[in-house]
């Protein structure tokens, strides 16, 4: 199962996150251009860094992911790997992150 909000994509996983480092915030990504951010505003959740990959674990039945310029997303309980959408520019022959 996948969820996408702007340039942030979340993929449900079954990994054991106990070995990861728990972060002290709930901001999944910050926008470089606007200063806006993708963050959990409701529900009980934790961000965990594991093997240089950011993960979200939602402990409550649901959690709300908000961004100032995108529709909110209601995430069900579970574990998610967080990534940034990439795009290919055939004229420059390069792959780059999409900027929100």
PDB file of N, CA and C in Angstrom:
ATOM      1  N   UNK A   1       0.843  -1.163   0.000  1.00  0.00           N
ATOM      2  CA  UNK A   1       0.000   0.000   0.000  1.00  0.00           C
ATOM      3  C   UNK A   1       0.894   1.233   0.000  1.00  0.00           C
ATOM      4  N   UNK A   2       0.576   2.218  -0.843  1.00  0.00           N
ATOM      5  CA  UNK A   2       1.351   3.444  -0.957  1.00  0.00           C
ATOM      6  C   UNK A   2       0.444   4.660  -0.789  1.00  0.00           C
ATOM      7  N   UNK A   3       1.024   5.711  -0.249  1.00  0.00           N
ATOM      8  CA  UNK A   3       0.349   6.997  -0.105  1.00  0.00           C
ATOM      9  C   UNK A   3       1.310   8.065  -0.604  1.00  0.00           C
ATOM     10  N   UNK A   4       0.774   9.093  -1.261  1.00  0.00           N
ATOM     11  CA  UNK A   4       1.625  10.170  -1.740  1.00  0.00           C
ATOM     12  C   UNK A   4       0.978  11.512  -1.432  1.00  0.00           C
ATOM     13  N   UNK A   5       1.795  12.426  -0.929  1.00  0.00           N
ATOM     14  CA  UNK A   5       1.364  13.793  -0.662  1.00  0.00           C
ATOM     15  C   UNK A   5       2.449  14.700  -1.235  1.00  0.00           C
ATOM     16  N   UNK A   6       2.167  15.299  -2.397  1.00  0.00           N
ATOM     17  CA  UNK A   6       3.175  16.121  -3.061  1.00  0.00           C
ATOM     18  C   UNK A   6       4.377  15.267  -3.427  1.00  0.00           C
ATOM     19  N   UNK A   7       5.555  15.675  -2.971  1.00  0.00           N
ATOM     20  CA  UNK A   7       6.776  14.950  -3.297  1.00  0.00           C
ATOM     21  C   UNK A   7       7.119  13.852  -2.290  1.00  0.00           C
ATOM     22  N   UNK A   8       6.297  13.683  -1.257  1.00  0.00           N
ATOM     23  CA  UNK A   8       6.545  12.660  -0.234  1.00  0.00           C
ATOM     24  C   UNK A   8       5.707  11.429  -0.540  1.00  0.00           C
ATOM     25  N   UNK A   9       6.363  10.281  -0.508  1.00  0.00           N
ATOM     26  CA  UNK A   9       5.667   9.018  -0.745  1.00  0.00           C
ATOM     27  C   UNK A   9       5.914   8.094   0.452  1.00  0.00           C
ATOM     28  N   UNK A  10       4.866   7.419   0.886  1.00  0.00           N
ATOM     29  CA  UNK A  10       4.958   6.486   2.010  1.00  0.00           C
ATOM     30  C   UNK A  10       4.545   5.112   1.525  1.00  0.00           C
ATOM     31  N   UNK A  11       5.334   4.109   1.883  1.00  0.00           N
ATOM     32  CA  UNK A  11       5.050   2.734   1.491  1.00  0.00           C
ATOM     33  C   UNK A  11       4.956   1.894   2.760  1.00  0.00           C
ATOM     34  N   UNK A  12       3.852   1.180   2.908  1.00  0.00           N
ATOM     35  CA  UNK A  12       3.651   0.348   4.095  1.00  0.00           C
ATOM     36  C   UNK A  12       4.664  -0.796   4.086  1.00  0.00           C
ATOM     37  N   UNK A  13       5.279  -1.039   5.247  1.00  0.00           N
ATOM     38  CA  UNK A  13       6.293  -2.089   5.382  1.00  0.00           C
ATOM     39  C   UNK A  13       6.011  -2.924   6.631  1.00  0.00           C
ATOM     40  N   UNK A  14       6.710  -4.039   6.748  1.00  0.00           N
ATOM     41  CA  UNK A  14       6.573  -4.902   7.924  1.00  0.00           C
ATOM     42  C   UNK A  14       7.893  -5.019   8.675  1.00  0.00           C
ATOM     43  N   UNK A  15       8.806  -4.086   8.467  1.00  0.00           N
ATOM     44  CA  UNK A  15      10.130  -4.123   9.099  1.00  0.00           C
ATOM     45  C   UNK A  15      10.042  -4.010  10.618  1.00  0.00           C
ATOM     46  N   UNK A  16      11.058  -4.546  11.275  1.00  0.00           N
ATOM     47  CA  UNK A  16      11.234  -4.352  12.703  1.00  0.00           C
ATOM     48  C   UNK A  16      11.986  -3.031  12.876  1.00  0.00           C
ATOM     49  N   UNK A  17      11.357  -2.045  13.472  1.00  0.00           N
ATOM     50  CA  UNK A  17      11.960  -0.721  13.616  1.00  0.00           C
ATOM     51  C   UNK A  17      12.618  -0.498  14.970  1.00  0.00           C
ATOM     52  N   UNK A  18      12.653  -1.519  15.807  1.00  0.00           N
ATOM     53  CA  UNK A  18      13.187  -1.379  17.161  1.00  0.00           C
ATOM     54  C   UNK A  18      14.670  -1.011  17.176  1.00  0.00           C
ATOM     55  N   UNK A  19      15.419  -1.367  16.144  1.00  0.00           N
ATOM     56  CA  UNK A  19      16.849  -1.070  16.082  1.00  0.00           C
ATOM     57  C   UNK A  19      17.127   0.364  15.624  1.00  0.00           C
ATOM     58  N   UNK A  20      16.108   1.053  15.148  1.00  0.00           N
ATOM     59  CA  UNK A  20      16.289   2.401  14.619  1.00  0.00           C
ATOM     60  C   UNK A  20      16.359   3.459  15.705  1.00  0.00           C
ATOM     61  N   UNK A  21      16.707   4.674  15.289  1.00  0.00           N
ATOM     62  CA  UNK A  21      16.801   5.818  16.202  1.00  0.00           C
ATOM     63  C   UNK A  21      15.495   6.611  16.134  1.00  0.00           C
ATOM     64  N   UNK A  22      14.827   6.740  17.271  1.00  0.00           N
ATOM     65  CA  UNK A  22      13.577   7.499  17.346  1.00  0.00           C
ATOM     66  C   UNK A  22      13.911   8.989  17.321  1.00  0.00           C
ATOM     67  N   UNK A  23      13.224   9.728  16.442  1.00  0.00           N
ATOM     68  CA  UNK A  23      13.429  11.165  16.328  1.00  0.00           C
ATOM     69  C   UNK A  23      12.453  11.904  17.233  1.00  0.00           C
ATOM     70  N   UNK A  24      12.784  13.139  17.587  1.00  0.00           N
ATOM     71  CA  UNK A  24      11.962  13.892  18.538  1.00  0.00           C
ATOM     72  C   UNK A  24      10.994  14.864  17.858  1.00  0.00           C
ATOM     73  N   UNK A  25      10.631  14.596  16.615  1.00  0.00           N
ATOM     74  CA  UNK A  25       9.674  15.442  15.891  1.00  0.00           C
ATOM     75  C   UNK A  25       8.829  14.566  14.979  1.00  0.00           C
ATOM     76  N   UNK A  26       7.819  15.162  14.358  1.00  0.00           N
ATOM     77  CA  UNK A  26       6.932  14.423  13.452  1.00  0.00           C
ATOM     78  C   UNK A  26       6.853  15.095  12.082  1.00  0.00           C
ATOM     79  N   UNK A  27       7.941  15.752  11.661  1.00  0.00           N
ATOM     80  CA  UNK A  27       8.023  16.371  10.337  1.00  0.00           C
ATOM     81  C   UNK A  27       8.685  15.375   9.395  1.00  0.00           C
ATOM     82  N   UNK A  28       7.919  14.890   8.409  1.00  0.00           N
ATOM     83  CA  UNK A  28       8.436  13.899   7.472  1.00  0.00           C
ATOM     84  C   UNK A  28       9.366  14.521   6.447  1.00  0.00           C
ATOM     85  N   UNK A  29       9.054  15.750   6.017  1.00  0.00           N
ATOM     86  CA  UNK A  29       9.893  16.445   5.032  1.00  0.00           C
ATOM     87  C   UNK A  29       9.547  17.926   5.062  1.00  0.00           C
ATOM     88  N   UNK A  30      10.567  18.742   4.765  1.00  0.00           N
ATOM     89  CA  UNK A  30      10.370  20.182   4.675  1.00  0.00           C
ATOM     90  C   UNK A  30      10.549  20.622   3.240  1.00  0.00           C
ATOM     91  N   UNK A  31       9.711  21.553   2.797  1.00  0.00           N
ATOM     92  CA  UNK A  31       9.792  22.066   1.436  1.00  0.00           C
ATOM     93  C   UNK A  31      10.932  23.053   1.285  1.00  0.00           C
ATOM     94  N   UNK A  32      11.773  22.845   0.270  1.00  0.00           N
ATOM     95  CA  UNK A  32      12.898  23.735   0.038  1.00  0.00           C
ATOM     96  C   UNK A  32      12.438  25.084  -0.499  1.00  0.00           C
ATOM     97  N   UNK A  33      11.431  25.076  -1.349  1.00  0.00           N
ATOM     98  CA  UNK A  33      11.004  26.298  -2.033  1.00  0.00           C
ATOM     99  C   UNK A  33      10.081  27.159  -1.171  1.00  0.00           C
ATOM    100  N   UNK A  34       9.167  26.530  -0.433  1.00  0.00           N
ATOM    101  CA  UNK A  34       8.123  27.288   0.267  1.00  0.00           C
ATOM    102  C   UNK A  34       8.318  27.378   1.773  1.00  0.00           C
ATOM    103  N   UNK A  35       9.120  26.502   2.343  1.00  0.00           N
ATOM    104  CA  UNK A  35       9.253  26.450   3.791  1.00  0.00           C
ATOM    105  C   UNK A  35       8.136  25.682   4.466  1.00  0.00           C
ATOM    106  N   UNK A  36       7.182  25.159   3.676  1.00  0.00           N
ATOM    107  CA  UNK A  36       6.105  24.340   4.232  1.00  0.00           C
ATOM    108  C   UNK A  36       6.662  22.969   4.599  1.00  0.00           C
ATOM    109  N   UNK A  37       5.852  22.179   5.312  1.00  0.00           N
ATOM    110  CA  UNK A  37       6.337  20.853   5.678  1.00  0.00           C
ATOM    111  C   UNK A  37       5.212  19.822   5.671  1.00  0.00           C
ATOM    112  N   UNK A  38       5.616  18.581   5.579  1.00  0.00           N
ATOM    113  CA  UNK A  38       4.727  17.421   5.669  1.00  0.00           C
ATOM    114  C   UNK A  38       4.891  16.908   7.096  1.00  0.00           C
ATOM    115  N   UNK A  39       3.804  16.932   7.866  1.00  0.00           N
ATOM    116  CA  UNK A  39       3.939  16.531   9.273  1.00  0.00           C
ATOM    117  C   UNK A  39       2.680  15.851   9.780  1.00  0.00           C
ATOM    118  N   UNK A  40       2.880  15.032  10.783  1.00  0.00           N
ATOM    119  CA  UNK A  40       1.769  14.372  11.462  1.00  0.00           C
ATOM    120  C   UNK A  40       1.204  15.366  12.474  1.00  0.00           C
ATOM    121  N   UNK A  41      -0.103  15.645  12.365  1.00  0.00           N
ATOM    122  CA  UNK A  41      -0.733  16.618  13.256  1.00  0.00           C
ATOM    123  C   UNK A  41      -1.732  15.989  14.219  1.00  0.00           C
ATOM    124  N   UNK A  42      -2.178  14.787  13.927  1.00  0.00           N
ATOM    125  CA  UNK A  42      -3.107  14.092  14.828  1.00  0.00           C
ATOM    126  C   UNK A  42      -2.757  12.617  14.860  1.00  0.00           C
ATOM    127  N   UNK A  43      -2.987  12.006  16.005  1.00  0.00           N
ATOM    128  CA  UNK A  43      -2.685  10.585  16.167  1.00  0.00           C
ATOM    129  C   UNK A  43      -1.397  10.393  16.938  1.00  0.00           C
ATOM    130  N   UNK A  44      -1.144   9.150  17.283  1.00  0.00           N
ATOM    131  CA  UNK A  44       0.073   8.790  18.017  1.00  0.00           C
ATOM    132  C   UNK A  44       1.009   8.102  17.048  1.00  0.00           C
ATOM    133  N   UNK A  45       2.199   8.700  16.865  1.00  0.00           N
ATOM    134  CA  UNK A  45       3.140   8.174  15.878  1.00  0.00           C
ATOM    135  C   UNK A  45       4.567   8.527  16.280  1.00  0.00           C
ATOM    136  N   UNK A  46       5.531   7.867  15.633  1.00  0.00           N
ATOM    137  CA  UNK A  46       6.953   8.151  15.829  1.00  0.00           C
ATOM    138  C   UNK A  46       7.659   8.105  14.488  1.00  0.00           C
ATOM    139  N   UNK A  47       8.664   8.962  14.354  1.00  0.00           N
ATOM    140  CA  UNK A  47       9.572   8.885  13.205  1.00  0.00           C
ATOM    141  C   UNK A  47      10.819   8.168  13.665  1.00  0.00           C
ATOM    142  N   UNK A  48      11.300   7.246  12.841  1.00  0.00           N
ATOM    143  CA  UNK A  48      12.446   6.421  13.182  1.00  0.00           C
ATOM    144  C   UNK A  48      13.404   6.387  11.997  1.00  0.00           C
ATOM    145  N   UNK A  49      14.695   6.618  12.262  1.00  0.00           N
ATOM    146  CA  UNK A  49      15.717   6.504  11.229  1.00  0.00           C
ATOM    147  C   UNK A  49      16.342   5.117  11.364  1.00  0.00           C
ATOM    148  N   UNK A  50      16.270   4.340  10.309  1.00  0.00           N
ATOM    149  CA  UNK A  50      16.819   2.983  10.308  1.00  0.00           C
ATOM    150  C   UNK A  50      17.543   2.767   8.988  1.00  0.00           C
ATOM    151  N   UNK A  51      18.818   2.449   9.063  1.00  0.00           N
ATOM    152  CA  UNK A  51      19.633   2.208   7.865  1.00  0.00           C
ATOM    153  C   UNK A  51      19.567   3.383   6.885  1.00  0.00           C
ATOM    154  N   UNK A  52      19.644   4.607   7.424  1.00  0.00           N
ATOM    155  CA  UNK A  52      19.637   5.848   6.644  1.00  0.00           C
ATOM    156  C   UNK A  52      18.330   6.091   5.894  1.00  0.00           C
ATOM    157  N   UNK A  53      17.272   5.398   6.296  1.00  0.00           N
ATOM    158  CA  UNK A  53      15.952   5.573   5.693  1.00  0.00           C
ATOM    159  C   UNK A  53      14.991   6.000   6.794  1.00  0.00           C
ATOM    160  N   UNK A  54      14.197   7.039   6.506  1.00  0.00           N
ATOM    161  CA  UNK A  54      13.223   7.522   7.468  1.00  0.00           C
ATOM    162  C   UNK A  54      11.971   6.649   7.425  1.00  0.00           C
ATOM    163  N   UNK A  55      11.470   6.306   8.602  1.00  0.00           N
ATOM    164  CA  UNK A  55      10.262   5.487   8.733  1.00  0.00           C
ATOM    165  C   UNK A  55       9.285   6.182   9.668  1.00  0.00           C
ATOM    166  N   UNK A  56       8.018   5.892   9.466  1.00  0.00           N
ATOM    167  CA  UNK A  56       6.953   6.378  10.338  1.00  0.00           C
ATOM    168  C   UNK A  56       6.226   5.173  10.892  1.00  0.00           C
ATOM    169  N   UNK A  57       6.005   5.189  12.204  1.00  0.00           N
ATOM    170  CA  UNK A  57       5.168   4.152  12.800  1.00  0.00           C
ATOM    171  C   UNK A  57       3.960   4.830  13.430  1.00  0.00           C
ATOM    172  N   UNK A  58       2.780   4.432  12.985  1.00  0.00           N
ATOM    173  CA  UNK A  58       1.525   4.958  13.515  1.00  0.00           C
ATOM    174  C   UNK A  58       1.001   3.949  14.529  1.00  0.00           C
ATOM    175  N   UNK A  59       0.868   4.375  15.786  1.00  0.00           N
ATOM    176  CA  UNK A  59       0.411   3.504  16.861  1.00  0.00           C
ATOM    177  C   UNK A  59      -1.097   3.593  17.065  1.00  0.00           C
ATOM    178  N   UNK A  60      -1.669   4.771  16.851  1.00  0.00           N
ATOM    179  CA  UNK A  60      -3.126   4.940  16.994  1.00  0.00           C
ATOM    180  C   UNK A  60      -3.820   4.335  15.771  1.00  0.00           C
ATOM    181  N   UNK A  61      -5.127   4.235  15.820  1.00  0.00           N
ATOM    182  CA  UNK A  61      -5.862   3.644  14.688  1.00  0.00           C
ATOM    183  C   UNK A  61      -5.602   4.397  13.390  1.00  0.00           C
ATOM    184  N   UNK A  62      -5.462   5.721  13.480  1.00  0.00           N
ATOM    185  CA  UNK A  62      -5.126   6.542  12.313  1.00  0.00           C
ATOM    186  C   UNK A  62      -4.255   7.715  12.755  1.00  0.00           C
ATOM    187  N   UNK A  63      -3.591   8.331  11.786  1.00  0.00           N
ATOM    188  CA  UNK A  63      -2.833   9.558  12.010  1.00  0.00           C
ATOM    189  C   UNK A  63      -3.063  10.458  10.801  1.00  0.00           C
ATOM    190  N   UNK A  64      -3.072  11.764  11.054  1.00  0.00           N
ATOM    191  CA  UNK A  64      -3.308  12.720   9.974  1.00  0.00           C
ATOM    192  C   UNK A  64      -1.983  13.325   9.510  1.00  0.00           C
ATOM    193  N   UNK A  65      -1.720  13.212   8.192  1.00  0.00           N
ATOM    194  CA  UNK A  65      -0.551  13.826   7.567  1.00  0.00           C
ATOM    195  C   UNK A  65      -1.017  15.088   6.868  1.00  0.00           C
ATOM    196  N   UNK A  66      -0.449  16.232   7.251  1.00  0.00           N
ATOM    197  CA  UNK A  66      -0.873  17.506   6.682  1.00  0.00           C
ATOM    198  C   UNK A  66       0.288  18.239   6.012  1.00  0.00           C
ATOM    199  N   UNK A  67      -0.071  19.081   5.060  1.00  0.00           N
ATOM    200  CA  UNK A  67       0.838  19.999   4.369  1.00  0.00           C
ATOM    201  C   UNK A  67       0.005  21.202   3.981  1.00  0.00           C
ATOM    202  N   UNK A  68       0.611  22.367   4.004  1.00  0.00           N
ATOM    203  CA  UNK A  68      -0.123  23.595   3.766  1.00  0.00           C
ATOM    204  C   UNK A  68      -0.694  23.713   2.350  1.00  0.00           C
ATOM    205  N   UNK A  69      -0.149  22.993   1.380  1.00  0.00           N
ATOM    206  CA  UNK A  69      -0.603  23.122  -0.011  1.00  0.00           C
ATOM    207  C   UNK A  69      -1.217  21.853  -0.599  1.00  0.00           C
ATOM    208  N   UNK A  70      -1.345  20.801   0.209  1.00  0.00           N
ATOM    209  CA  UNK A  70      -1.886  19.533  -0.289  1.00  0.00           C
ATOM    210  C   UNK A  70      -3.032  19.076   0.591  1.00  0.00           C
ATOM    211  N   UNK A  71      -3.841  18.189   0.055  1.00  0.00           N
ATOM    212  CA  UNK A  71      -4.911  17.592   0.857  1.00  0.00           C
ATOM    213  C   UNK A  71      -4.304  16.732   1.952  1.00  0.00           C
ATOM    214  N   UNK A  72      -4.982  16.695   3.086  1.00  0.00           N
ATOM    215  CA  UNK A  72      -4.523  15.839   4.183  1.00  0.00           C
ATOM    216  C   UNK A  72      -4.699  14.379   3.798  1.00  0.00           C
ATOM    217  N   UNK A  73      -3.922  13.538   4.435  1.00  0.00           N
ATOM    218  CA  UNK A  73      -4.024  12.090   4.237  1.00  0.00           C
ATOM    219  C   UNK A  73      -4.213  11.455   5.605  1.00  0.00           C
ATOM    220  N   UNK A  74      -5.153  10.546   5.691  1.00  0.00           N
ATOM    221  CA  UNK A  74      -5.367   9.783   6.915  1.00  0.00           C
ATOM    222  C   UNK A  74      -4.666   8.439   6.736  1.00  0.00           C
ATOM    223  N   UNK A  75      -3.657   8.213   7.551  1.00  0.00           N
ATOM    224  CA  UNK A  75      -2.866   6.981   7.482  1.00  0.00           C
ATOM    225  C   UNK A  75      -3.361   5.986   8.524  1.00  0.00           C
ATOM    226  N   UNK A  76      -3.606   4.752   8.124  1.00  0.00           N
ATOM    227  CA  UNK A  76      -3.993   3.743   9.116  1.00  0.00           C
ATOM    228  C   UNK A  76      -2.792   3.277   9.941  1.00  0.00           C
ATOM    229  N   UNK A  77      -3.078   2.678  11.062  1.00  0.00           N
ATOM    230  CA  UNK A  77      -2.071   2.112  11.955  1.00  0.00           C
ATOM    231  C   UNK A  77      -1.115   1.240  11.151  1.00  0.00           C
ATOM    232  N   UNK A  78       0.186   1.368  11.438  1.00  0.00           N
ATOM    233  CA  UNK A  78       1.172   0.544  10.748  1.00  0.00           C
ATOM    234  C   UNK A  78       2.516   1.228  10.640  1.00  0.00           C
ATOM    235  N   UNK A  79       3.402   0.597   9.873  1.00  0.00           N
ATOM    236  CA  UNK A  79       4.765   1.085   9.665  1.00  0.00           C
ATOM    237  C   UNK A  79       4.938   1.467   8.210  1.00  0.00           C
ATOM    238  N   UNK A  80       5.640   2.594   7.981  1.00  0.00           N
ATOM    239  CA  UNK A  80       5.797   3.126   6.635  1.00  0.00           C
ATOM    240  C   UNK A  80       7.244   3.548   6.395  1.00  0.00           C
ATOM    241  N   UNK A  81       7.722   3.282   5.204  1.00  0.00           N
ATOM    242  CA  UNK A  81       9.000   3.803   4.750  1.00  0.00           C
ATOM    243  C   UNK A  81       8.702   5.099   4.011  1.00  0.00           C
ATOM    244  N   UNK A  82       9.485   6.140   4.273  1.00  0.00           N
ATOM    245  CA  UNK A  82       9.236   7.454   3.691  1.00  0.00           C
ATOM    246  C   UNK A  82      10.290   7.744   2.630  1.00  0.00           C
ATOM    247  N   UNK A  83       9.827   8.169   1.472  1.00  0.00           N
ATOM    248  CA  UNK A  83      10.736   8.519   0.389  1.00  0.00           C
ATOM    249  C   UNK A  83      10.318   9.819  -0.267  1.00  0.00           C
ATOM    250  N   UNK A  84      11.201  10.322  -1.111  1.00  0.00           N
ATOM    251  CA  UNK A  84      10.934  11.533  -1.887  1.00  0.00           C
ATOM    252  C   UNK A  84      10.844  11.112  -3.351  1.00  0.00           C
ATOM    253  N   UNK A  85       9.801  11.579  -4.025  1.00  0.00           N
ATOM    254  CA  UNK A  85       9.574  11.242  -5.430  1.00  0.00           C
ATOM    255  C   UNK A  85      10.724  11.800  -6.264  1.00  0.00           C
ATOM    256  N   UNK A  86      11.177  11.002  -7.217  1.00  0.00           N
ATOM    257  CA  UNK A  86      12.243  11.423  -8.118  1.00  0.00           C
ATOM    258  C   UNK A  86      11.689  11.546  -9.530  1.00  0.00           C
ATOM    259  N   UNK A  87      12.330  12.392 -10.336  1.00  0.00           N
ATOM    260  CA  UNK A  87      11.915  12.563 -11.724  1.00  0.00           C
ATOM    261  C   UNK A  87      13.139  12.453 -12.628  1.00  0.00           C
ATOM    262  N   UNK A  88      12.898  12.026 -13.848  1.00  0.00           N
ATOM    263  CA  UNK A  88      13.970  11.901 -14.827  1.00  0.00           C
ATOM    264  C   UNK A  88      13.834  13.012 -15.847  1.00  0.00           C
ATOM    265  N   UNK A  89      14.930  13.731 -16.092  1.00  0.00           N
ATOM    266  CA  UNK A  89      14.967  14.794 -17.098  1.00  0.00           C
ATOM    267  C   UNK A  89      15.759  14.266 -18.289  1.00  0.00           C
ATOM    268  N   UNK A  90      15.069  13.885 -19.370  1.00  0.00           N
ATOM    269  CA  UNK A  90      15.772  13.299 -20.519  1.00  0.00           C
ATOM    270  C   UNK A  90      16.684  14.301 -21.234  1.00  0.00           C
ATOM    271  N   UNK A  91      16.410  15.584 -21.116  1.00  0.00           N
ATOM    272  CA  UNK A  91      17.252  16.589 -21.765  1.00  0.00           C
ATOM    273  C   UNK A  91      18.582  16.766 -21.041  1.00  0.00           C
ATOM    274  N   UNK A  92      18.553  16.599 -19.735  1.00  0.00           N
ATOM    275  CA  UNK A  92      19.774  16.709 -18.927  1.00  0.00           C
ATOM    276  C   UNK A  92      20.364  15.345 -18.610  1.00  0.00           C
ATOM    277  N   UNK A  93      19.612  14.264 -18.950  1.00  0.00           N
ATOM    278  CA  UNK A  93      20.006  12.890 -18.646  1.00  0.00           C
ATOM    279  C   UNK A  93      20.374  12.736 -17.168  1.00  0.00           C
ATOM    280  N   UNK A  94      19.445  13.174 -16.313  1.00  0.00           N
ATOM    281  CA  UNK A  94      19.681  13.071 -14.877  1.00  0.00           C
ATOM    282  C   UNK A  94      18.392  12.752 -14.137  1.00  0.00           C
ATOM    283  N   UNK A  95      18.579  12.140 -12.985  1.00  0.00           N
ATOM    284  CA  UNK A  95      17.470  11.860 -12.085  1.00  0.00           C
ATOM    285  C   UNK A  95      17.619  12.812 -10.914  1.00  0.00           C
ATOM    286  N   UNK A  96      16.525  13.469 -10.525  1.00  0.00           N
ATOM    287  CA  UNK A  96      16.586  14.413  -9.419  1.00  0.00           C
ATOM    288  C   UNK A  96      15.319  14.306  -8.580  1.00  0.00           C
ATOM    289  N   UNK A  97      15.435  14.794  -7.344  1.00  0.00           N
ATOM    290  CA  UNK A  97      14.278  14.790  -6.442  1.00  0.00           C
ATOM    291  C   UNK A  97      13.295  15.854  -6.889  1.00  0.00           C
ATOM    292  N   UNK A  98      12.022  15.528  -6.768  1.00  0.00           N
ATOM    293  CA  UNK A  98      10.968  16.506  -7.016  1.00  0.00           C
ATOM    294  C   UNK A  98      10.981  17.462  -5.832  1.00  0.00           C
ATOM    295  N   UNK A  99      10.871  18.748  -6.098  1.00  0.00           N
ATOM    296  CA  UNK A  99      10.885  19.740  -5.011  1.00  0.00           C
ATOM    297  C   UNK A  99       9.488  20.279  -4.797  1.00  0.00           C
ATOM    298  N   UNK A 100       9.086  20.296  -3.545  1.00  0.00           N
ATOM    299  CA  UNK A 100       7.752  20.729  -3.152  1.00  0.00           C
ATOM    300  C   UNK A 100       7.751  22.231  -2.916  1.00  0.00           C
TER     301      UNK A 100
END
